[in-house]
Structure formats: C-alpha cells, structure tokens
Amino acid sequence: MIKENVLTALSALGFIPKEIEGFGYRFEYEGLTVIYTVDDEEAKCITLTAPDVFDISDDNRVAVLEAMAKLCGKMKYVQPNIMFENQVWLNYQHYLGDNEVTPELIEHMIRVLAFSTITIHNIINGSDNDD
C-alpha cells in the first residue's frame, strides 16, 4: 500500500518513475537522479536516495569523509553513505507511522535530498559559509 501511495504521489507531482527490477524506482529531479527503494510494509518507512553524488578518490577521501560528517550536522534526516567503495550516496528515510503518504511529503523529501547534494558539494569545495 505504501509503495502504491508513493508512486501515486510521484505521479501527482509530475514524475514518471521507472522501475529498477528488484530494487525500486528511479526518476529525475532537476538533473538529480532519485531512487525510491521499496521498504518492507511493516517498517512503515519511505526511503529516497540520491545515488553517486560524489566520487571518492585516494586524494580526496579524508576531505569527503569530513564533509559527510559535517553534512550530518547540517541536514536532519539525510544520511550520507559510501557505496561501491568510492561513491557517496545520500539517503532520506522518513518514518510514516500511521500517517498517510502525501505529495507534499514526497516533494519535501526530494527537495531536502537535492539541497543536501548541493550542500555536500559546497562543503567539499570549501564554499559553505559555516566555518
């Protein structure tokens, strides 16, 4: 039921999610790829992910790890993860509880992920204004 409601909300917002077999759905928001991973219904959660927002190399690994930690302090609900040993992915997981999935909630999650992507790039590039 949650999956159907999320897909309905995405459609209401004008997105056309494409299925990733066995994984979830992907769609684009202003040039940012976003993945909706289908959680177990009992978890009552929605997870949206921005994949591969930054590549990690041997030269930038420490700076990227520091940026990931700083992002956690700046952005609530967004968790940066290292995937495939050299890619930073951002996850936003929202616990629904007994609440309904709404287009407003999905839009908020997407916008926070997009802003977090910009923020982590600004931190890594030294153009954030919080130091």
N, C-alpha and C. Protein backbone atom coordinates (compact mmCIF):
# COMPACT_ATOMS: atom_id res chain seq x y z
N MET A 1 0.81 -1.20 0.00
CA MET A 1 0.00 0.00 0.00
C MET A 1 0.86 1.26 0.00
N ILE A 2 1.95 1.26 0.80
CA ILE A 2 2.83 2.42 0.84
C ILE A 2 3.44 2.65 -0.54
N LYS A 3 3.92 1.56 -1.17
CA LYS A 3 4.52 1.69 -2.49
C LYS A 3 3.56 2.34 -3.47
N GLU A 4 2.33 1.87 -3.51
CA GLU A 4 1.34 2.42 -4.43
C GLU A 4 1.08 3.89 -4.14
N ASN A 5 1.02 4.24 -2.85
CA ASN A 5 0.78 5.63 -2.47
C ASN A 5 1.95 6.54 -2.84
N VAL A 6 3.18 6.03 -2.68
CA VAL A 6 4.35 6.81 -3.08
C VAL A 6 4.35 7.01 -4.59
N LEU A 7 4.08 5.95 -5.35
CA LEU A 7 4.05 6.08 -6.81
C LEU A 7 2.94 7.02 -7.26
N THR A 8 1.80 6.99 -6.59
CA THR A 8 0.70 7.91 -6.90
C THR A 8 1.12 9.35 -6.60
N ALA A 9 1.78 9.56 -5.47
CA ALA A 9 2.25 10.91 -5.11
C ALA A 9 3.29 11.41 -6.11
N LEU A 10 4.20 10.54 -6.52
CA LEU A 10 5.20 10.93 -7.52
C LEU A 10 4.53 11.33 -8.83
N SER A 11 3.55 10.55 -9.25
CA SER A 11 2.80 10.88 -10.48
C SER A 11 2.07 12.20 -10.34
N ALA A 12 1.47 12.45 -9.17
CA ALA A 12 0.76 13.71 -8.93
C ALA A 12 1.71 14.90 -9.02
N LEU A 13 2.99 14.67 -8.68
CA LEU A 13 3.99 15.73 -8.76
C LEU A 13 4.59 15.86 -10.16
N GLY A 14 4.17 14.99 -11.08
CA GLY A 14 4.64 15.07 -12.45
C GLY A 14 5.84 14.19 -12.77
N PHE A 15 6.24 13.34 -11.84
CA PHE A 15 7.37 12.45 -12.08
C PHE A 15 6.89 11.18 -12.77
N ILE A 16 7.78 10.58 -13.54
CA ILE A 16 7.48 9.32 -14.21
C ILE A 16 8.53 8.31 -13.73
N PRO A 17 8.25 7.64 -12.61
CA PRO A 17 9.23 6.68 -12.08
C PRO A 17 9.39 5.48 -13.00
N LYS A 18 10.64 5.09 -13.20
CA LYS A 18 10.94 3.90 -13.99
C LYS A 18 11.43 2.81 -13.04
N GLU A 19 10.87 1.61 -13.20
CA GLU A 19 11.21 0.53 -12.29
C GLU A 19 12.63 0.05 -12.50
N ILE A 20 13.32 -0.19 -11.39
CA ILE A 20 14.62 -0.85 -11.38
C ILE A 20 14.33 -2.22 -10.79
N GLU A 21 14.33 -3.23 -11.61
CA GLU A 21 13.87 -4.55 -11.18
C GLU A 21 14.59 -5.02 -9.93
N GLY A 22 13.79 -5.41 -8.94
CA GLY A 22 14.32 -5.95 -7.69
C GLY A 22 14.90 -4.90 -6.76
N PHE A 23 14.76 -3.62 -7.09
CA PHE A 23 15.39 -2.58 -6.27
C PHE A 23 14.43 -1.46 -5.90
N GLY A 24 13.69 -0.96 -6.88
CA GLY A 24 12.80 0.17 -6.61
C GLY A 24 12.48 0.92 -7.89
N TYR A 25 12.46 2.24 -7.80
CA TYR A 25 12.10 3.09 -8.92
C TYR A 25 13.04 4.29 -8.97
N ARG A 26 13.34 4.75 -10.18
CA ARG A 26 14.19 5.93 -10.32
C ARG A 26 13.43 6.99 -11.10
N PHE A 27 13.76 8.24 -10.79
CA PHE A 27 13.20 9.38 -11.52
C PHE A 27 14.20 10.53 -11.41
N GLU A 28 13.99 11.54 -12.22
CA GLU A 28 14.89 12.68 -12.27
C GLU A 28 14.20 13.92 -11.68
N TYR A 29 14.97 14.69 -10.91
CA TYR A 29 14.51 15.97 -10.40
C TYR A 29 15.58 17.00 -10.67
N GLU A 30 15.33 17.90 -11.61
CA GLU A 30 16.26 18.97 -11.95
C GLU A 30 17.68 18.46 -12.14
N GLY A 31 17.82 17.38 -12.89
CA GLY A 31 19.13 16.82 -13.19
C GLY A 31 19.68 15.86 -12.14
N LEU A 32 18.98 15.72 -11.03
CA LEU A 32 19.40 14.81 -9.97
C LEU A 32 18.61 13.51 -10.08
N THR A 33 19.32 12.40 -10.13
CA THR A 33 18.65 11.10 -10.11
C THR A 33 18.24 10.80 -8.68
N VAL A 34 17.00 10.39 -8.52
CA VAL A 34 16.49 9.99 -7.20
C VAL A 34 15.93 8.59 -7.33
N ILE A 35 16.23 7.76 -6.34
CA ILE A 35 15.74 6.39 -6.32
C ILE A 35 14.81 6.22 -5.12
N TYR A 36 13.64 5.66 -5.40
CA TYR A 36 12.72 5.27 -4.34
C TYR A 36 12.93 3.78 -4.14
N THR A 37 13.46 3.40 -2.98
CA THR A 37 13.63 1.99 -2.68
C THR A 37 12.43 1.53 -1.87
N VAL A 38 11.85 0.44 -2.28
CA VAL A 38 10.63 -0.06 -1.66
C VAL A 38 11.01 -0.79 -0.37
N ASP A 39 10.54 -0.24 0.76
CA ASP A 39 10.79 -0.85 2.06
C ASP A 39 9.72 -1.88 2.37
N ASP A 40 10.00 -2.75 3.30
CA ASP A 40 9.01 -3.69 3.83
C ASP A 40 7.84 -2.89 4.40
N GLU A 41 6.62 -3.28 4.06
CA GLU A 41 5.42 -2.58 4.52
C GLU A 41 5.39 -2.41 6.04
N GLU A 42 5.87 -3.41 6.76
CA GLU A 42 5.82 -3.36 8.21
C GLU A 42 6.74 -2.28 8.79
N ALA A 43 7.74 -1.88 8.04
CA ALA A 43 8.66 -0.85 8.51
C ALA A 43 8.00 0.53 8.55
N LYS A 44 6.96 0.72 7.73
CA LYS A 44 6.23 1.98 7.65
C LYS A 44 7.17 3.15 7.36
N CYS A 45 8.12 2.92 6.45
CA CYS A 45 9.10 3.93 6.09
C CYS A 45 9.10 4.19 4.58
N ILE A 46 9.52 5.39 4.24
CA ILE A 46 9.78 5.74 2.85
C ILE A 46 11.26 6.09 2.77
N THR A 47 11.97 5.52 1.81
CA THR A 47 13.37 5.84 1.62
C THR A 47 13.58 6.36 0.21
N LEU A 48 14.14 7.56 0.12
CA LEU A 48 14.57 8.13 -1.15
C LEU A 48 16.08 8.28 -1.10
N THR A 49 16.73 8.02 -2.22
CA THR A 49 18.18 8.04 -2.29
C THR A 49 18.65 8.85 -3.50
N ALA A 50 19.67 9.65 -3.28
CA ALA A 50 20.37 10.32 -4.37
C ALA A 50 21.68 9.56 -4.56
N PRO A 51 21.77 8.76 -5.64
CA PRO A 51 22.97 7.93 -5.81
C PRO A 51 24.14 8.71 -6.41
N ASP A 52 25.34 8.25 -6.06
CA ASP A 52 26.59 8.73 -6.67
C ASP A 52 26.65 10.24 -6.79
N VAL A 53 26.47 10.94 -5.66
CA VAL A 53 26.51 12.40 -5.69
C VAL A 53 27.94 12.94 -5.66
N PHE A 54 28.89 12.08 -5.29
CA PHE A 54 30.31 12.49 -5.29
C PHE A 54 31.17 11.24 -5.34
N ASP A 55 32.25 11.31 -6.11
CA ASP A 55 33.18 10.19 -6.22
C ASP A 55 34.35 10.40 -5.26
N ILE A 56 34.72 9.33 -4.60
CA ILE A 56 35.83 9.36 -3.64
C ILE A 56 37.08 8.79 -4.32
N SER A 57 38.18 9.51 -4.18
CA SER A 57 39.47 9.03 -4.68
C SER A 57 40.43 8.93 -3.50
N ASP A 58 41.61 8.38 -3.74
CA ASP A 58 42.61 8.32 -2.67
C ASP A 58 42.99 9.73 -2.22
N ASP A 59 43.01 10.67 -3.16
CA ASP A 59 43.42 12.05 -2.85
C ASP A 59 42.39 12.82 -2.04
N ASN A 60 41.10 12.54 -2.24
CA ASN A 60 40.08 13.35 -1.56
C ASN A 60 39.35 12.62 -0.44
N ARG A 61 39.74 11.39 -0.14
CA ARG A 61 39.00 10.56 0.82
C ARG A 61 38.80 11.24 2.17
N VAL A 62 39.83 11.82 2.76
CA VAL A 62 39.71 12.44 4.07
C VAL A 62 38.77 13.64 3.99
N ALA A 63 38.91 14.46 2.97
CA ALA A 63 38.04 15.64 2.82
C ALA A 63 36.59 15.22 2.64
N VAL A 64 36.35 14.16 1.88
CA VAL A 64 34.98 13.70 1.66
C VAL A 64 34.39 13.13 2.95
N LEU A 65 35.17 12.36 3.69
CA LEU A 65 34.67 11.82 4.97
C LEU A 65 34.34 12.94 5.95
N GLU A 66 35.19 13.97 5.99
CA GLU A 66 34.90 15.12 6.85
C GLU A 66 33.64 15.85 6.38
N ALA A 67 33.47 15.97 5.08
CA ALA A 67 32.28 16.62 4.53
C ALA A 67 31.02 15.83 4.85
N MET A 68 31.11 14.50 4.79
CA MET A 68 29.97 13.66 5.13
C MET A 68 29.57 13.88 6.60
N ALA A 69 30.56 13.94 7.48
CA ALA A 69 30.28 14.17 8.90
C ALA A 69 29.66 15.56 9.10
N LYS A 70 30.19 16.55 8.41
CA LYS A 70 29.66 17.91 8.54
C LYS A 70 28.23 17.99 8.01
N LEU A 71 27.96 17.29 6.91
CA LEU A 71 26.60 17.27 6.36
C LEU A 71 25.61 16.72 7.38
N CYS A 72 26.01 15.67 8.10
CA CYS A 72 25.13 15.09 9.13
C CYS A 72 24.75 16.12 10.18
N GLY A 73 25.65 17.04 10.49
CA GLY A 73 25.36 18.08 11.46
C GLY A 73 24.48 19.20 10.91
N LYS A 74 24.49 19.36 9.60
CA LYS A 74 23.73 20.45 8.97
C LYS A 74 22.33 20.03 8.55
N MET A 75 22.18 18.81 8.07
CA MET A 75 20.93 18.37 7.46
C MET A 75 20.30 17.25 8.29
N LYS A 76 19.14 17.51 8.84
CA LYS A 76 18.43 16.47 9.58
C LYS A 76 17.83 15.48 8.58
N TYR A 77 17.78 14.24 8.98
CA TYR A 77 17.12 13.15 8.26
C TYR A 77 17.89 12.63 7.04
N VAL A 78 18.96 13.28 6.64
CA VAL A 78 19.72 12.82 5.47
C VAL A 78 20.98 12.13 5.97
N GLN A 79 21.18 10.89 5.49
CA GLN A 79 22.35 10.13 5.88
C GLN A 79 23.24 9.89 4.65
N PRO A 80 24.48 10.37 4.69
CA PRO A 80 25.40 10.03 3.60
C PRO A 80 25.97 8.63 3.83
N ASN A 81 26.15 7.91 2.74
CA ASN A 81 26.71 6.55 2.80
C ASN A 81 27.75 6.40 1.71
N ILE A 82 28.70 5.51 1.95
CA ILE A 82 29.67 5.16 0.91
C ILE A 82 29.21 3.85 0.29
N MET A 83 28.99 3.88 -1.00
CA MET A 83 28.56 2.70 -1.75
C MET A 83 29.64 2.34 -2.77
N PHE A 84 29.79 1.06 -3.02
CA PHE A 84 30.73 0.55 -4.02
C PHE A 84 32.15 1.08 -3.79
N GLU A 85 32.50 1.33 -2.54
CA GLU A 85 33.82 1.74 -2.07
C GLU A 85 34.24 3.14 -2.45
N ASN A 86 33.58 3.77 -3.45
CA ASN A 86 34.08 5.09 -3.86
C ASN A 86 33.00 6.07 -4.29
N GLN A 87 31.77 5.83 -3.87
CA GLN A 87 30.69 6.75 -4.23
C GLN A 87 29.95 7.19 -2.98
N VAL A 88 29.67 8.49 -2.89
CA VAL A 88 28.82 8.99 -1.82
C VAL A 88 27.38 8.98 -2.31
N TRP A 89 26.51 8.34 -1.57
CA TRP A 89 25.07 8.33 -1.81
C TRP A 89 24.41 8.99 -0.62
N LEU A 90 23.31 9.71 -0.86
CA LEU A 90 22.56 10.33 0.22
C LEU A 90 21.20 9.66 0.34
N ASN A 91 20.83 9.29 1.56
CA ASN A 91 19.52 8.67 1.84
C ASN A 91 18.69 9.59 2.72
N TYR A 92 17.41 9.63 2.43
CA TYR A 92 16.45 10.29 3.31
C TYR A 92 15.40 9.24 3.63
N GLN A 93 15.34 8.85 4.89
CA GLN A 93 14.38 7.84 5.32
C GLN A 93 13.38 8.52 6.25
N HIS A 94 12.09 8.38 5.91
CA HIS A 94 11.03 9.01 6.69
C HIS A 94 10.12 7.92 7.27
N TYR A 95 9.95 7.96 8.59
CA TYR A 95 9.04 7.03 9.25
C TYR A 95 7.62 7.58 9.16
N LEU A 96 6.72 6.82 8.55
CA LEU A 96 5.34 7.25 8.39
C LEU A 96 4.48 7.01 9.63
N GLY A 97 4.74 5.92 10.31
CA GLY A 97 3.85 5.54 11.40
C GLY A 97 2.46 5.30 10.84
N ASP A 98 1.46 5.95 11.42
CA ASP A 98 0.08 5.81 10.94
C ASP A 98 -0.32 6.94 9.99
N ASN A 99 0.65 7.78 9.60
CA ASN A 99 0.36 8.91 8.70
C ASN A 99 0.27 8.45 7.26
N GLU A 100 -0.37 9.25 6.45
CA GLU A 100 -0.54 8.96 5.03
C GLU A 100 0.62 9.52 4.21
N VAL A 101 0.87 8.90 3.09
CA VAL A 101 1.82 9.43 2.11
C VAL A 101 1.10 10.54 1.36
N THR A 102 1.73 11.70 1.29
CA THR A 102 1.13 12.82 0.56
C THR A 102 2.14 13.35 -0.46
N PRO A 103 1.65 13.97 -1.52
CA PRO A 103 2.58 14.61 -2.47
C PRO A 103 3.47 15.64 -1.78
N GLU A 104 2.94 16.34 -0.77
CA GLU A 104 3.72 17.35 -0.06
C GLU A 104 4.90 16.71 0.67
N LEU A 105 4.68 15.57 1.29
CA LEU A 105 5.76 14.87 1.98
C LEU A 105 6.84 14.43 0.98
N ILE A 106 6.42 13.82 -0.10
CA ILE A 106 7.38 13.34 -1.11
C ILE A 106 8.15 14.52 -1.70
N GLU A 107 7.45 15.61 -1.99
CA GLU A 107 8.12 16.80 -2.54
C GLU A 107 9.15 17.33 -1.55
N HIS A 108 8.79 17.37 -0.27
CA HIS A 108 9.73 17.82 0.76
C HIS A 108 10.97 16.94 0.79
N MET A 109 10.78 15.63 0.76
CA MET A 109 11.91 14.70 0.79
C MET A 109 12.82 14.91 -0.41
N ILE A 110 12.24 15.08 -1.57
CA ILE A 110 13.03 15.29 -2.79
C ILE A 110 13.83 16.58 -2.70
N ARG A 111 13.18 17.64 -2.26
CA ARG A 111 13.86 18.94 -2.14
C ARG A 111 15.00 18.90 -1.12
N VAL A 112 14.78 18.21 0.00
CA VAL A 112 15.84 18.10 1.01
C VAL A 112 17.02 17.32 0.45
N LEU A 113 16.76 16.24 -0.29
CA LEU A 113 17.85 15.49 -0.93
C LEU A 113 18.61 16.36 -1.92
N ALA A 114 17.89 17.12 -2.73
CA ALA A 114 18.53 18.00 -3.71
C ALA A 114 19.39 19.05 -3.01
N PHE A 115 18.84 19.67 -1.96
CA PHE A 115 19.59 20.69 -1.22
C PHE A 115 20.81 20.06 -0.54
N SER A 116 20.67 18.85 -0.02
CA SER A 116 21.79 18.16 0.63
C SER A 116 22.89 17.85 -0.37
N THR A 117 22.52 17.54 -1.60
CA THR A 117 23.52 17.29 -2.65
C THR A 117 24.33 18.55 -2.91
N ILE A 118 23.65 19.66 -3.03
CA ILE A 118 24.34 20.95 -3.23
C ILE A 118 25.21 21.26 -2.02
N THR A 119 24.67 21.03 -0.84
CA THR A 119 25.40 21.34 0.39
C THR A 119 26.68 20.53 0.52
N ILE A 120 26.63 19.23 0.24
CA ILE A 120 27.86 18.43 0.38
C ILE A 120 28.90 18.85 -0.65
N HIS A 121 28.47 19.22 -1.85
CA HIS A 121 29.42 19.73 -2.85
C HIS A 121 30.05 21.04 -2.35
N ASN A 122 29.24 21.93 -1.77
CA ASN A 122 29.77 23.19 -1.25
C ASN A 122 30.75 22.96 -0.11
N ILE A 123 30.46 22.01 0.77
CA ILE A 123 31.37 21.69 1.87
C ILE A 123 32.69 21.18 1.32
N ILE A 124 32.63 20.24 0.40
CA ILE A 124 33.85 19.65 -0.16
C ILE A 124 34.67 20.69 -0.91
N ASN A 125 33.99 21.57 -1.63
CA ASN A 125 34.68 22.60 -2.42
C ASN A 125 35.07 23.82 -1.59
N GLY A 126 34.71 23.82 -0.29
CA GLY A 126 35.08 24.91 0.58
C GLY A 126 34.26 26.17 0.40
N SER A 127 33.10 26.06 -0.23
CA SER A 127 32.29 27.26 -0.47
C SER A 127 31.07 27.34 0.45
N ASP A 128 31.06 26.50 1.53
CA ASP A 128 29.98 26.67 2.52
C ASP A 128 30.39 27.80 3.46
N ASN A 129 29.45 28.43 4.07
CA ASN A 129 29.75 29.63 4.87
C ASN A 129 29.66 29.40 6.37
N ASP A 130 29.90 28.19 6.83
CA ASP A 130 29.70 27.89 8.25
C ASP A 130 30.97 27.75 9.07
N ASP A 131 32.11 28.10 8.54
CA ASP A 131 33.34 27.90 9.31
C ASP A 131 33.71 29.05 10.18
